[in-house]
Amino acid sequence: MVSKRLCAGLAVAGLAAIGVAAAPTPAEAWWRGGWCCGFGIGFVLPPIVVAPPVYAPPPPPAYYPPPPAYYAPPAAYSPQGRIWIPAHWQGTIWIPGHWA
């Protein structure tokens, strides 16, 4: 009988704690909390986070592909030559010189 009352009391206290924690509060910088002694002097402790060290594997080594087996001559990479069309008449229309 006592354990049922104890469980019910803990459940009510837990729900009350959740309700208080979930209540909206004004934003105060990056954390909230602290105590005031009544004379305008506040005692504040920043949050302390304690966690076990996290294992992060080292990054994989950089992969550099091997050099190509054949270097093509520069002419293979140069664009094809363009042809200059001089100014001329085409019927009754004058066409100025241009690259084709």
PDB file of N, CA and C in Angstrom:
ATOM      1  N   MET A   1       0.824  -1.201   0.000  1.00  0.00           N
ATOM      2  CA  MET A   1       0.000   0.000   0.000  1.00  0.00           C
ATOM      3  C   MET A   1       0.869   1.266   0.000  1.00  0.00           C
ATOM      4  N   VAL A   2       1.947   1.232   0.741  1.00  0.00           N
ATOM      5  CA  VAL A   2       2.821   2.386   0.826  1.00  0.00           C
ATOM      6  C   VAL A   2       3.525   2.601  -0.508  1.00  0.00           C
ATOM      7  N   SER A   3       3.880   1.541  -1.192  1.00  0.00           N
ATOM      8  CA  SER A   3       4.594   1.687  -2.446  1.00  0.00           C
ATOM      9  C   SER A   3       3.698   2.324  -3.513  1.00  0.00           C
ATOM     10  N   LYS A   4       2.403   2.050  -3.502  1.00  0.00           N
ATOM     11  CA  LYS A   4       1.495   2.690  -4.457  1.00  0.00           C
ATOM     12  C   LYS A   4       1.406   4.191  -4.188  1.00  0.00           C
ATOM     13  N   ARG A   5       1.330   4.565  -2.934  1.00  0.00           N
ATOM     14  CA  ARG A   5       1.272   5.991  -2.593  1.00  0.00           C
ATOM     15  C   ARG A   5       2.599   6.669  -2.953  1.00  0.00           C
ATOM     16  N   LEU A   6       3.697   5.973  -2.678  1.00  0.00           N
ATOM     17  CA  LEU A   6       4.999   6.533  -2.987  1.00  0.00           C
ATOM     18  C   LEU A   6       5.135   6.725  -4.503  1.00  0.00           C
ATOM     19  N   CYS A   7       4.731   5.732  -5.269  1.00  0.00           N
ATOM     20  CA  CYS A   7       4.796   5.844  -6.731  1.00  0.00           C
ATOM     21  C   CYS A   7       3.900   6.975  -7.240  1.00  0.00           C
ATOM     22  N   ALA A   8       2.709   7.094  -6.691  1.00  0.00           N
ATOM     23  CA  ALA A   8       1.798   8.159  -7.117  1.00  0.00           C
ATOM     24  C   ALA A   8       2.377   9.533  -6.757  1.00  0.00           C
ATOM     25  N   GLY A   9       2.955   9.647  -5.579  1.00  0.00           N
ATOM     26  CA  GLY A   9       3.563  10.923  -5.177  1.00  0.00           C
ATOM     27  C   GLY A   9       4.753  11.281  -6.056  1.00  0.00           C
ATOM     28  N   LEU A  10       5.587  10.301  -6.368  1.00  0.00           N
ATOM     29  CA  LEU A  10       6.716  10.567  -7.253  1.00  0.00           C
ATOM     30  C   LEU A  10       6.248  10.934  -8.660  1.00  0.00           C
ATOM     31  N   ALA A  11       5.179  10.296  -9.120  1.00  0.00           N
ATOM     32  CA  ALA A  11       4.651  10.626 -10.449  1.00  0.00           C
ATOM     33  C   ALA A  11       4.135  12.058 -10.480  1.00  0.00           C
ATOM     34  N   VAL A  12       3.426  12.484  -9.454  1.00  0.00           N
ATOM     35  CA  VAL A  12       2.914  13.849  -9.394  1.00  0.00           C
ATOM     36  C   VAL A  12       4.072  14.843  -9.293  1.00  0.00           C
ATOM     37  N   ALA A  13       5.073  14.527  -8.481  1.00  0.00           N
ATOM     38  CA  ALA A  13       6.226  15.422  -8.347  1.00  0.00           C
ATOM     39  C   ALA A  13       6.993  15.498  -9.669  1.00  0.00           C
ATOM     40  N   GLY A  14       7.122  14.375 -10.368  1.00  0.00           N
ATOM     41  CA  GLY A  14       7.805  14.377 -11.663  1.00  0.00           C
ATOM     42  C   GLY A  14       7.059  15.197 -12.688  1.00  0.00           C
ATOM     43  N   LEU A  15       5.741  15.061 -12.735  1.00  0.00           N
ATOM     44  CA  LEU A  15       4.942  15.860 -13.680  1.00  0.00           C
ATOM     45  C   LEU A  15       5.043  17.346 -13.343  1.00  0.00           C
ATOM     46  N   ALA A  16       5.057  17.674 -12.057  1.00  0.00           N
ATOM     47  CA  ALA A  16       5.196  19.080 -11.664  1.00  0.00           C
ATOM     48  C   ALA A  16       6.564  19.614 -12.077  1.00  0.00           C
ATOM     49  N   ALA A  17       7.618  18.809 -11.915  1.00  0.00           N
ATOM     50  CA  ALA A  17       8.955  19.249 -12.315  1.00  0.00           C
ATOM     51  C   ALA A  17       9.041  19.440 -13.825  1.00  0.00           C
ATOM     52  N   ILE A  18       8.419  18.548 -14.577  1.00  0.00           N
ATOM     53  CA  ILE A  18       8.404  18.691 -16.037  1.00  0.00           C
ATOM     54  C   ILE A  18       7.645  19.949 -16.442  1.00  0.00           C
ATOM     55  N   GLY A  19       6.538  20.217 -15.766  1.00  0.00           N
ATOM     56  CA  GLY A  19       5.762  21.422 -16.068  1.00  0.00           C
ATOM     57  C   GLY A  19       6.541  22.694 -15.780  1.00  0.00           C
ATOM     58  N   VAL A  20       7.282  22.717 -14.685  1.00  0.00           N
ATOM     59  CA  VAL A  20       8.073  23.898 -14.345  1.00  0.00           C
ATOM     60  C   VAL A  20       9.217  24.062 -15.346  1.00  0.00           C
ATOM     61  N   ALA A  21       9.853  22.965 -15.726  1.00  0.00           N
ATOM     62  CA  ALA A  21      10.976  23.045 -16.660  1.00  0.00           C
ATOM     63  C   ALA A  21      10.512  23.443 -18.058  1.00  0.00           C
ATOM     64  N   ALA A  22       9.297  23.063 -18.428  1.00  0.00           N
ATOM     65  CA  ALA A  22       8.806  23.361 -19.776  1.00  0.00           C
ATOM     66  C   ALA A  22       8.146  24.731 -19.870  1.00  0.00           C
ATOM     67  N   ALA A  23       7.958  25.412 -18.765  1.00  0.00           N
ATOM     68  CA  ALA A  23       7.317  26.728 -18.797  1.00  0.00           C
ATOM     69  C   ALA A  23       8.206  27.725 -19.541  1.00  0.00           C
ATOM     70  N   PRO A  24       7.615  28.574 -20.371  1.00  0.00           N
ATOM     71  CA  PRO A  24       8.433  29.536 -21.106  1.00  0.00           C
ATOM     72  C   PRO A  24       9.035  30.582 -20.166  1.00  0.00           C
ATOM     73  N   THR A  25      10.279  30.963 -20.462  1.00  0.00           N
ATOM     74  CA  THR A  25      10.969  31.976 -19.672  1.00  0.00           C
ATOM     75  C   THR A  25      11.607  32.969 -20.630  1.00  0.00           C
ATOM     76  N   PRO A  26      11.900  34.179 -20.189  1.00  0.00           N
ATOM     77  CA  PRO A  26      12.547  35.145 -21.076  1.00  0.00           C
ATOM     78  C   PRO A  26      13.982  34.705 -21.383  1.00  0.00           C
ATOM     79  N   ALA A  27      14.432  35.036 -22.570  1.00  0.00           N
ATOM     80  CA  ALA A  27      15.788  34.690 -22.966  1.00  0.00           C
ATOM     81  C   ALA A  27      16.774  35.586 -22.239  1.00  0.00           C
ATOM     82  N   GLU A  28      17.781  34.989 -21.649  1.00  0.00           N
ATOM     83  CA  GLU A  28      18.796  35.744 -20.920  1.00  0.00           C
ATOM     84  C   GLU A  28      20.166  35.289 -21.407  1.00  0.00           C
ATOM     85  N   ALA A  29      20.678  35.965 -22.397  1.00  0.00           N
ATOM     86  CA  ALA A  29      21.990  35.673 -22.980  1.00  0.00           C
ATOM     87  C   ALA A  29      22.073  34.208 -23.377  1.00  0.00           C
ATOM     88  N   TRP A  30      23.135  33.513 -23.017  1.00  0.00           N
ATOM     89  CA  TRP A  30      23.327  32.152 -23.466  1.00  0.00           C
ATOM     90  C   TRP A  30      23.019  31.112 -22.408  1.00  0.00           C
ATOM     91  N   TRP A  31      22.647  31.542 -21.217  1.00  0.00           N
ATOM     92  CA  TRP A  31      22.222  30.610 -20.194  1.00  0.00           C
ATOM     93  C   TRP A  31      21.426  31.358 -19.149  1.00  0.00           C
ATOM     94  N   ARG A  32      20.767  30.629 -18.305  1.00  0.00           N
ATOM     95  CA  ARG A  32      19.962  31.268 -17.278  1.00  0.00           C
ATOM     96  C   ARG A  32      20.252  30.623 -15.933  1.00  0.00           C
ATOM     97  N   GLY A  33      19.874  31.278 -14.893  1.00  0.00           N
ATOM     98  CA  GLY A  33      20.070  30.714 -13.559  1.00  0.00           C
ATOM     99  C   GLY A  33      20.767  31.700 -12.653  1.00  0.00           C
ATOM    100  N   GLY A  34      20.975  31.301 -11.405  1.00  0.00           N
ATOM    101  CA  GLY A  34      21.651  32.134 -10.432  1.00  0.00           C
ATOM    102  C   GLY A  34      20.754  32.405  -9.237  1.00  0.00           C
ATOM    103  N   TRP A  35      21.365  32.921  -8.197  1.00  0.00           N
ATOM    104  CA  TRP A  35      20.622  33.215  -6.991  1.00  0.00           C
ATOM    105  C   TRP A  35      20.923  34.633  -6.551  1.00  0.00           C
ATOM    106  N   CYS A  36      19.960  35.268  -5.917  1.00  0.00           N
ATOM    107  CA  CYS A  36      20.140  36.629  -5.428  1.00  0.00           C
ATOM    108  C   CYS A  36      19.937  36.613  -3.921  1.00  0.00           C
ATOM    109  N   CYS A  37      20.777  37.354  -3.205  1.00  0.00           N
ATOM    110  CA  CYS A  37      20.696  37.350  -1.745  1.00  0.00           C
ATOM    111  C   CYS A  37      19.692  38.368  -1.211  1.00  0.00           C
ATOM    112  N   GLY A  38      19.076  39.132  -2.092  1.00  0.00           N
ATOM    113  CA  GLY A  38      18.090  40.091  -1.626  1.00  0.00           C
ATOM    114  C   GLY A  38      18.596  41.514  -1.601  1.00  0.00           C
ATOM    115  N   PHE A  39      19.896  41.733  -1.736  1.00  0.00           N
ATOM    116  CA  PHE A  39      20.463  43.066  -1.713  1.00  0.00           C
ATOM    117  C   PHE A  39      20.905  43.525  -3.098  1.00  0.00           C
ATOM    118  N   GLY A  40      20.446  42.857  -4.116  1.00  0.00           N
ATOM    119  CA  GLY A  40      20.825  43.223  -5.469  1.00  0.00           C
ATOM    120  C   GLY A  40      22.127  42.587  -5.923  1.00  0.00           C
ATOM    121  N   ILE A  41      22.687  41.720  -5.091  1.00  0.00           N
ATOM    122  CA  ILE A  41      23.917  41.031  -5.453  1.00  0.00           C
ATOM    123  C   ILE A  41      23.538  39.614  -5.851  1.00  0.00           C
ATOM    124  N   GLY A  42      23.931  39.215  -7.032  1.00  0.00           N
ATOM    125  CA  GLY A  42      23.573  37.883  -7.512  1.00  0.00           C
ATOM    126  C   GLY A  42      24.768  36.954  -7.547  1.00  0.00           C
ATOM    127  N   PHE A  43      24.513  35.714  -7.301  1.00  0.00           N
ATOM    128  CA  PHE A  43      25.530  34.677  -7.402  1.00  0.00           C
ATOM    129  C   PHE A  43      25.150  33.806  -8.593  1.00  0.00           C
ATOM    130  N   VAL A  44      26.066  33.690  -9.507  1.00  0.00           N
ATOM    131  CA  VAL A  44      25.745  33.004 -10.746  1.00  0.00           C
ATOM    132  C   VAL A  44      26.829  31.977 -11.047  1.00  0.00           C
ATOM    133  N   LEU A  45      26.414  30.804 -11.461  1.00  0.00           N
ATOM    134  CA  LEU A  45      27.340  29.766 -11.881  1.00  0.00           C
ATOM    135  C   LEU A  45      27.004  29.379 -13.321  1.00  0.00           C
ATOM    136  N   PRO A  46      27.975  29.422 -14.213  1.00  0.00           N
ATOM    137  CA  PRO A  46      27.689  29.012 -15.586  1.00  0.00           C
ATOM    138  C   PRO A  46      27.474  27.503 -15.648  1.00  0.00           C
ATOM    139  N   PRO A  47      26.835  27.044 -16.697  1.00  0.00           N
ATOM    140  CA  PRO A  47      26.595  25.600 -16.804  1.00  0.00           C
ATOM    141  C   PRO A  47      27.912  24.853 -17.002  1.00  0.00           C
ATOM    142  N   ILE A  48      27.996  23.702 -16.400  1.00  0.00           N
ATOM    143  CA  ILE A  48      29.183  22.862 -16.518  1.00  0.00           C
ATOM    144  C   ILE A  48      28.757  21.572 -17.205  1.00  0.00           C
ATOM    145  N   VAL A  49      29.445  21.229 -18.267  1.00  0.00           N
ATOM    146  CA  VAL A  49      29.113  20.020 -19.005  1.00  0.00           C
ATOM    147  C   VAL A  49      30.227  19.018 -18.798  1.00  0.00           C
ATOM    148  N   VAL A  50      29.851  17.865 -18.332  1.00  0.00           N
ATOM    149  CA  VAL A  50      30.827  16.796 -18.119  1.00  0.00           C
ATOM    150  C   VAL A  50      30.413  15.644 -19.018  1.00  0.00           C
ATOM    151  N   ALA A  51      31.327  15.232 -19.874  1.00  0.00           N
ATOM    152  CA  ALA A  51      31.028  14.131 -20.786  1.00  0.00           C
ATOM    153  C   ALA A  51      32.291  13.325 -20.994  1.00  0.00           C
ATOM    154  N   PRO A  52      32.132  12.074 -21.345  1.00  0.00           N
ATOM    155  CA  PRO A  52      33.329  11.269 -21.609  1.00  0.00           C
ATOM    156  C   PRO A  52      33.990  11.729 -22.900  1.00  0.00           C
ATOM    157  N   PRO A  53      35.280  11.460 -23.048  1.00  0.00           N
ATOM    158  CA  PRO A  53      35.946  11.864 -24.294  1.00  0.00           C
ATOM    159  C   PRO A  53      35.348  11.124 -25.488  1.00  0.00           C
ATOM    160  N   VAL A  54      35.285  11.807 -26.593  1.00  0.00           N
ATOM    161  CA  VAL A  54      34.709  11.229 -27.793  1.00  0.00           C
ATOM    162  C   VAL A  54      35.828  10.771 -28.701  1.00  0.00           C
ATOM    163  N   TYR A  55      35.743   9.538 -29.170  1.00  0.00           N
ATOM    164  CA  TYR A  55      36.754   9.022 -30.089  1.00  0.00           C
ATOM    165  C   TYR A  55      36.372   9.409 -31.499  1.00  0.00           C
ATOM    166  N   ALA A  56      37.242  10.126 -32.155  1.00  0.00           N
ATOM    167  CA  ALA A  56      37.038  10.474 -33.557  1.00  0.00           C
ATOM    168  C   ALA A  56      38.186   9.869 -34.338  1.00  0.00           C
ATOM    169  N   PRO A  57      37.888   9.000 -35.292  1.00  0.00           N
ATOM    170  CA  PRO A  57      38.985   8.389 -36.040  1.00  0.00           C
ATOM    171  C   PRO A  57      39.734   9.434 -36.848  1.00  0.00           C
ATOM    172  N   PRO A  58      41.005   9.193 -37.119  1.00  0.00           N
ATOM    173  CA  PRO A  58      41.767  10.170 -37.905  1.00  0.00           C
ATOM    174  C   PRO A  58      41.221  10.251 -39.323  1.00  0.00           C
ATOM    175  N   PRO A  59      41.403  11.383 -39.976  1.00  0.00           N
ATOM    176  CA  PRO A  59      40.900  11.503 -41.344  1.00  0.00           C
ATOM    177  C   PRO A  59      41.675  10.564 -42.263  1.00  0.00           C
ATOM    178  N   PRO A  60      41.032  10.133 -43.332  1.00  0.00           N
ATOM    179  CA  PRO A  60      41.732   9.234 -44.246  1.00  0.00           C
ATOM    180  C   PRO A  60      42.876   9.980 -44.934  1.00  0.00           C
ATOM    181  N   PRO A  61      43.916   9.246 -45.322  1.00  0.00           N
ATOM    182  CA  PRO A  61      45.028   9.926 -45.993  1.00  0.00           C
ATOM    183  C   PRO A  61      44.570  10.491 -47.335  1.00  0.00           C
ATOM    184  N   ALA A  62      45.204  11.584 -47.716  1.00  0.00           N
ATOM    185  CA  ALA A  62      44.840  12.222 -48.982  1.00  0.00           C
ATOM    186  C   ALA A  62      45.229  11.305 -50.135  1.00  0.00           C
ATOM    187  N   TYR A  63      44.365  11.232 -51.116  1.00  0.00           N
ATOM    188  CA  TYR A  63      44.632  10.389 -52.281  1.00  0.00           C
ATOM    189  C   TYR A  63      45.084  11.263 -53.438  1.00  0.00           C
ATOM    190  N   TYR A  64      46.259  10.965 -53.931  1.00  0.00           N
ATOM    191  CA  TYR A  64      46.775  11.656 -55.095  1.00  0.00           C
ATOM    192  C   TYR A  64      46.864  10.644 -56.227  1.00  0.00           C
ATOM    193  N   PRO A  65      46.127  10.841 -57.305  1.00  0.00           N
ATOM    194  CA  PRO A  65      46.178   9.865 -58.387  1.00  0.00           C
ATOM    195  C   PRO A  65      47.558   9.862 -59.036  1.00  0.00           C
ATOM    196  N   PRO A  66      47.926   8.745 -59.637  1.00  0.00           N
ATOM    197  CA  PRO A  66      49.232   8.697 -60.283  1.00  0.00           C
ATOM    198  C   PRO A  66      49.260   9.617 -61.498  1.00  0.00           C
ATOM    199  N   PRO A  67      50.439  10.038 -61.918  1.00  0.00           N
ATOM    200  CA  PRO A  67      50.516  10.923 -63.087  1.00  0.00           C
ATOM    201  C   PRO A  67      50.067  10.176 -64.343  1.00  0.00           C
ATOM    202  N   PRO A  68      49.602  10.894 -65.344  1.00  0.00           N
ATOM    203  CA  PRO A  68      49.166  10.219 -66.561  1.00  0.00           C
ATOM    204  C   PRO A  68      50.346   9.548 -67.257  1.00  0.00           C
ATOM    205  N   ALA A  69      50.036   8.509 -67.993  1.00  0.00           N
ATOM    206  CA  ALA A  69      51.088   7.764 -68.677  1.00  0.00           C
ATOM    207  C   ALA A  69      51.610   8.533 -69.886  1.00  0.00           C
ATOM    208  N   TYR A  70      50.802   9.440 -70.422  1.00  0.00           N
ATOM    209  CA  TYR A  70      51.194  10.164 -71.630  1.00  0.00           C
ATOM    210  C   TYR A  70      50.731  11.604 -71.519  1.00  0.00           C
ATOM    211  N   TYR A  71      51.623  12.526 -71.754  1.00  0.00           N
ATOM    212  CA  TYR A  71      51.263  13.929 -71.782  1.00  0.00           C
ATOM    213  C   TYR A  71      51.070  14.335 -73.247  1.00  0.00           C
ATOM    214  N   ALA A  72      49.870  14.748 -73.594  1.00  0.00           N
ATOM    215  CA  ALA A  72      49.599  15.163 -74.968  1.00  0.00           C
ATOM    216  C   ALA A  72      50.288  16.486 -75.236  1.00  0.00           C
ATOM    217  N   PRO A  73      50.703  16.728 -76.467  1.00  0.00           N
ATOM    218  CA  PRO A  73      51.338  18.010 -76.779  1.00  0.00           C
ATOM    219  C   PRO A  73      50.339  19.156 -76.631  1.00  0.00           C
ATOM    220  N   PRO A  74      50.816  20.359 -76.384  1.00  0.00           N
ATOM    221  CA  PRO A  74      49.920  21.496 -76.166  1.00  0.00           C
ATOM    222  C   PRO A  74      48.984  21.756 -77.328  1.00  0.00           C
ATOM    223  N   ALA A  75      49.372  21.400 -78.551  1.00  0.00           N
ATOM    224  CA  ALA A  75      48.514  21.664 -79.698  1.00  0.00           C
ATOM    225  C   ALA A  75      47.197  20.912 -79.582  1.00  0.00           C
ATOM    226  N   ALA A  76      47.190  19.793 -78.876  1.00  0.00           N
ATOM    227  CA  ALA A  76      45.958  19.014 -78.749  1.00  0.00           C
ATOM    228  C   ALA A  76      44.935  19.753 -77.885  1.00  0.00           C
ATOM    229  N   TYR A  77      45.409  20.632 -77.021  1.00  0.00           N
ATOM    230  CA  TYR A  77      44.494  21.353 -76.146  1.00  0.00           C
ATOM    231  C   TYR A  77      44.109  22.726 -76.680  1.00  0.00           C
ATOM    232  N   SER A  78      44.805  23.225 -77.655  1.00  0.00           N
ATOM    233  CA  SER A  78      44.507  24.564 -78.149  1.00  0.00           C
ATOM    234  C   SER A  78      43.234  24.529 -78.998  1.00  0.00           C
ATOM    235  N   PRO A  79      42.443  25.581 -78.931  1.00  0.00           N
ATOM    236  CA  PRO A  79      41.214  25.605 -79.736  1.00  0.00           C
ATOM    237  C   PRO A  79      41.542  25.694 -81.223  1.00  0.00           C
ATOM    238  N   GLN A  80      40.636  25.237 -82.005  1.00  0.00           N
ATOM    239  CA  GLN A  80      40.820  25.294 -83.451  1.00  0.00           C
ATOM    240  C   GLN A  80      40.873  26.751 -83.894  1.00  0.00           C
ATOM    241  N   GLY A  81      41.660  27.019 -84.934  1.00  0.00           N
ATOM    242  CA  GLY A  81      41.782  28.383 -85.425  1.00  0.00           C
ATOM    243  C   GLY A  81      40.473  28.891 -86.002  1.00  0.00           C
ATOM    244  N   ARG A  82      40.209  30.164 -85.808  1.00  0.00           N
ATOM    245  CA  ARG A  82      39.000  30.770 -86.357  1.00  0.00           C
ATOM    246  C   ARG A  82      39.359  31.482 -87.655  1.00  0.00           C
ATOM    247  N   ILE A  83      38.407  31.587 -88.489  1.00  0.00           N
ATOM    248  CA  ILE A  83      38.627  32.183 -89.806  1.00  0.00           C
ATOM    249  C   ILE A  83      38.062  33.591 -89.817  1.00  0.00           C
ATOM    250  N   TRP A  84      38.851  34.545 -90.350  1.00  0.00           N
ATOM    251  CA  TRP A  84      38.395  35.927 -90.475  1.00  0.00           C
ATOM    252  C   TRP A  84      37.709  36.086 -91.822  1.00  0.00           C
ATOM    253  N   ILE A  85      36.467  36.538 -91.769  1.00  0.00           N
ATOM    254  CA  ILE A  85      35.719  36.827 -92.991  1.00  0.00           C
ATOM    255  C   ILE A  85      35.827  38.331 -93.218  1.00  0.00           C
ATOM    256  N   PRO A  86      36.425  38.777 -94.311  1.00  0.00           N
ATOM    257  CA  PRO A  86      36.551  40.214 -94.545  1.00  0.00           C
ATOM    258  C   PRO A  86      35.199  40.844 -94.884  1.00  0.00           C
ATOM    259  N   ALA A  87      35.147  42.153 -94.738  1.00  0.00           N
ATOM    260  CA  ALA A  87      33.912  42.873 -95.053  1.00  0.00           C
ATOM    261  C   ALA A  87      33.576  42.697 -96.531  1.00  0.00           C
ATOM    262  N   HIS A  88      32.284  42.568 -96.817  1.00  0.00           N
ATOM    263  CA  HIS A  88      31.872  42.347 -98.214  1.00  0.00           C
ATOM    264  C   HIS A  88      30.393  42.694 -98.379  1.00  0.00           C
ATOM    265  N   TRP A  89      30.002  42.801 -99.640  1.00  0.00           N
ATOM    266  CA  TRP A  89      28.599  43.012 -99.971  1.00  0.00           C
ATOM    267  C   TRP A  89      27.950  41.648-100.187  1.00  0.00           C
ATOM    268  N   GLN A  90      26.743  41.492 -99.619  1.00  0.00           N
ATOM    269  CA  GLN A  90      25.961  40.282 -99.869  1.00  0.00           C
ATOM    270  C   GLN A  90      24.639  40.768-100.460  1.00  0.00           C
ATOM    271  N   GLY A  91      24.584  40.776-101.787  1.00  0.00           N
ATOM    272  CA  GLY A  91      23.441  41.374-102.462  1.00  0.00           C
ATOM    273  C   GLY A  91      23.492  42.873-102.261  1.00  0.00           C
ATOM    274  N   THR A  92      22.468  43.435-101.636  1.00  0.00           N
ATOM    275  CA  THR A  92      22.429  44.878-101.373  1.00  0.00           C
ATOM    276  C   THR A  92      22.764  45.197 -99.913  1.00  0.00           C
ATOM    277  N   ILE A  93      23.242  44.234 -99.151  1.00  0.00           N
ATOM    278  CA  ILE A  93      23.532  44.438 -97.720  1.00  0.00           C
ATOM    279  C   ILE A  93      25.032  44.374 -97.498  1.00  0.00           C
ATOM    280  N   TRP A  94      25.585  45.377 -96.770  1.00  0.00           N
ATOM    281  CA  TRP A  94      26.994  45.408 -96.442  1.00  0.00           C
ATOM    282  C   TRP A  94      27.230  44.580 -95.181  1.00  0.00           C
ATOM    283  N   ILE A  95      28.098  43.596 -95.227  1.00  0.00           N
ATOM    284  CA  ILE A  95      28.437  42.743 -94.086  1.00  0.00           C
ATOM    285  C   ILE A  95      29.839  43.153 -93.619  1.00  0.00           C
ATOM    286  N   PRO A  96      29.984  43.677 -92.399  1.00  0.00           N
ATOM    287  CA  PRO A  96      31.320  44.059 -91.925  1.00  0.00           C
ATOM    288  C   PRO A  96      32.154  42.800 -91.655  1.00  0.00           C
ATOM    289  N   GLY A  97      33.472  42.986 -91.551  1.00  0.00           N
ATOM    290  CA  GLY A  97      34.349  41.858 -91.276  1.00  0.00           C
ATOM    291  C   GLY A  97      34.056  41.241 -89.907  1.00  0.00           C
ATOM    292  N   HIS A  98      34.208  39.925 -89.825  1.00  0.00           N
ATOM    293  CA  HIS A  98      33.911  39.230 -88.567  1.00  0.00           C
ATOM    294  C   HIS A  98      34.631  37.883 -88.545  1.00  0.00           C
ATOM    295  N   TRP A  99      34.720  37.322 -87.340  1.00  0.00           N
ATOM    296  CA  TRP A  99      35.298  36.004 -87.169  1.00  0.00           C
ATOM    297  C   TRP A  99      34.217  34.946 -87.363  1.00  0.00           C
ATOM    298  N   ALA A 100      34.548  33.857 -87.996  1.00  0.00           N
ATOM    299  CA  ALA A 100      33.577  32.766 -88.196  1.00  0.00           C
ATOM    300  C   ALA A 100      33.968  31.562 -87.387  1.00  0.00           C
TER     301      ALA A 100
END
